[in-house]
């Protein structure tokens, strides 16, 4: 009985090795659609990564340009003419006038409100 089973297994195995089946056209089209979908995903992923890299490069470039500009910027220069002659702003000294003293804010406010009441 063992010999019979061995022969059956061998003949079955040889038949399976020689068996060839071709899938239908619908199966091939489904497979092609899946592969095309995967290719488009790869393409989208590549463009997404490329756009992220371009954005980072642009951000780094803007930061570098701004840091160079601010490093060379002279805050004393107020305006320039068409011939590039910088105009330097004057420095304002502290004023010792009591009107500008912070202690007198309440007094100035009261005077203003009393004047408004007289007018109305």
Protein backbone atom coordinates (compact mmCIF):
# COMPACT_ATOMS: atom_id res chain seq x y z
CA UNK A 1 0.00 0.00 0.00
CA UNK A 2 2.95 2.32 0.65
CA UNK A 3 4.17 1.84 -2.89
CA UNK A 4 0.79 2.75 -4.30
CA UNK A 5 0.63 5.91 -2.26
CA UNK A 6 4.15 6.90 -3.28
CA UNK A 7 3.30 6.44 -6.96
CA UNK A 8 0.10 8.45 -6.55
CA UNK A 9 1.98 11.23 -4.78
CA UNK A 10 4.71 11.27 -7.43
CA UNK A 11 2.21 11.34 -10.30
CA UNK A 12 0.21 14.04 -8.57
CA UNK A 13 3.37 16.03 -7.90
CA UNK A 14 4.50 15.75 -11.55
CA UNK A 15 1.04 16.81 -12.74
CA UNK A 16 1.12 19.82 -10.41
CA UNK A 17 4.58 20.83 -11.64
CA UNK A 18 3.52 20.68 -15.25
CA UNK A 19 0.16 22.42 -14.66
CA UNK A 20 0.02 25.97 -15.94
CA UNK A 21 -2.96 28.27 -15.68
CA UNK A 22 -3.26 31.78 -17.00
CA UNK A 23 -5.41 34.28 -15.10
CA UNK A 24 -8.28 35.92 -16.89
CA UNK A 25 -8.06 39.39 -18.42
CA UNK A 26 -10.13 40.85 -15.57
CA UNK A 27 -7.59 39.61 -13.02
CA UNK A 28 -4.73 41.09 -15.07
CA UNK A 29 -6.51 44.46 -15.29
CA UNK A 30 -7.13 44.45 -11.53
CA UNK A 31 -3.47 43.70 -10.91
CA UNK A 32 -2.44 46.44 -13.34
CA UNK A 33 -4.75 48.93 -11.58
CA UNK A 34 -3.26 48.06 -8.19
CA UNK A 35 0.28 48.46 -9.51
CA UNK A 36 -0.62 51.80 -11.12
CA UNK A 37 -2.14 52.96 -7.81
CA UNK A 38 1.08 52.02 -6.00
CA UNK A 39 3.16 53.88 -8.62
CA UNK A 40 1.05 57.00 -8.21
CA UNK A 41 1.42 56.79 -4.42
CA UNK A 42 5.20 56.61 -4.81
CA UNK A 43 5.12 59.60 -7.15
CA UNK A 44 2.99 61.60 -4.68
CA UNK A 45 5.32 60.64 -1.83
CA UNK A 46 8.33 61.77 -3.86
CA UNK A 47 6.75 65.15 -4.68
CA UNK A 48 5.64 65.61 -1.06
CA UNK A 49 9.16 64.98 0.19
CA UNK A 50 10.56 67.29 -2.47
CA UNK A 51 8.14 70.08 -1.52
CA UNK A 52 9.01 69.71 2.17
CA UNK A 53 12.71 69.95 1.34
CA UNK A 54 12.11 73.03 -0.85
CA UNK A 55 10.08 74.69 1.92
CA UNK A 56 12.79 74.05 4.48
CA UNK A 57 15.43 75.39 2.10
CA UNK A 58 13.36 78.55 1.52
CA UNK A 59 12.86 79.03 5.26
CA UNK A 60 16.57 78.61 5.98
CA UNK A 61 17.40 81.05 3.16
CA UNK A 62 15.02 83.70 4.51
CA UNK A 63 16.41 83.31 8.02
CA UNK A 64 20.00 83.63 6.74
CA UNK A 65 19.22 86.72 4.66
CA UNK A 66 17.38 88.36 7.56
CA UNK A 67 20.20 87.62 9.98
CA UNK A 68 22.75 89.08 7.55
CA UNK A 69 20.57 92.15 7.04
CA UNK A 70 20.05 92.67 10.76
CA UNK A 71 23.74 92.12 11.45
CA UNK A 72 24.73 94.87 9.00
CA UNK A 73 21.80 97.16 9.82
CA UNK A 74 22.63 100.59 11.26
CA UNK A 75 19.70 101.72 13.41
CA UNK A 76 20.95 105.33 13.35
CA UNK A 77 20.33 105.62 9.63
CA UNK A 78 16.82 106.97 9.17
CA UNK A 79 16.46 107.55 5.44
CA UNK A 80 18.52 107.77 2.31
CA UNK A 81 18.31 109.89 -0.79
CA UNK A 82 18.80 108.72 -4.36
CA UNK A 83 22.53 109.50 -4.02
CA UNK A 84 22.84 107.45 -0.84
CA UNK A 85 23.60 110.04 1.74
CA UNK A 86 22.39 108.64 5.03
CA UNK A 87 20.49 110.99 7.29
CA UNK A 88 21.34 110.43 10.92
CA UNK A 89 18.53 110.92 13.42
CA UNK A 90 19.20 113.38 16.20
CA UNK A 91 19.35 112.19 19.77
CA UNK A 92 16.73 113.64 22.08
CA UNK A 93 17.91 114.57 25.53
CA UNK A 94 15.84 114.06 28.67
CA UNK A 95 13.45 116.88 29.40
CA UNK A 96 13.24 118.18 32.95
CA UNK A 97 9.82 119.75 32.41
CA UNK A 98 7.32 118.82 35.16
CA UNK A 99 4.56 118.43 32.58
CA UNK A 100 6.17 115.21 31.33
CA UNK A 101 6.79 113.79 34.80
CA UNK A 102 4.84 110.60 35.56
CA UNK A 103 3.97 111.86 39.05
CA UNK A 104 1.74 114.56 37.57
CA UNK A 105 -0.49 112.30 35.47
CA UNK A 106 -3.35 112.34 38.00
CA UNK A 107 -3.21 116.12 38.27
CA UNK A 108 -3.28 116.52 34.46
CA UNK A 109 -6.15 114.02 34.13
CA UNK A 110 -8.23 115.79 36.82
CA UNK A 111 -7.64 119.14 35.16
CA UNK A 112 -8.71 117.74 31.79
CA UNK A 113 -11.92 116.17 33.18
CA UNK A 114 -12.89 119.31 35.09
CA UNK A 115 -12.38 121.34 31.92
CA UNK A 116 -14.63 118.95 30.00
CA UNK A 117 -17.35 119.26 32.68
CA UNK A 118 -17.24 123.05 32.44
CA UNK A 119 -17.54 122.94 28.66
CA UNK A 120 -20.53 120.55 28.73
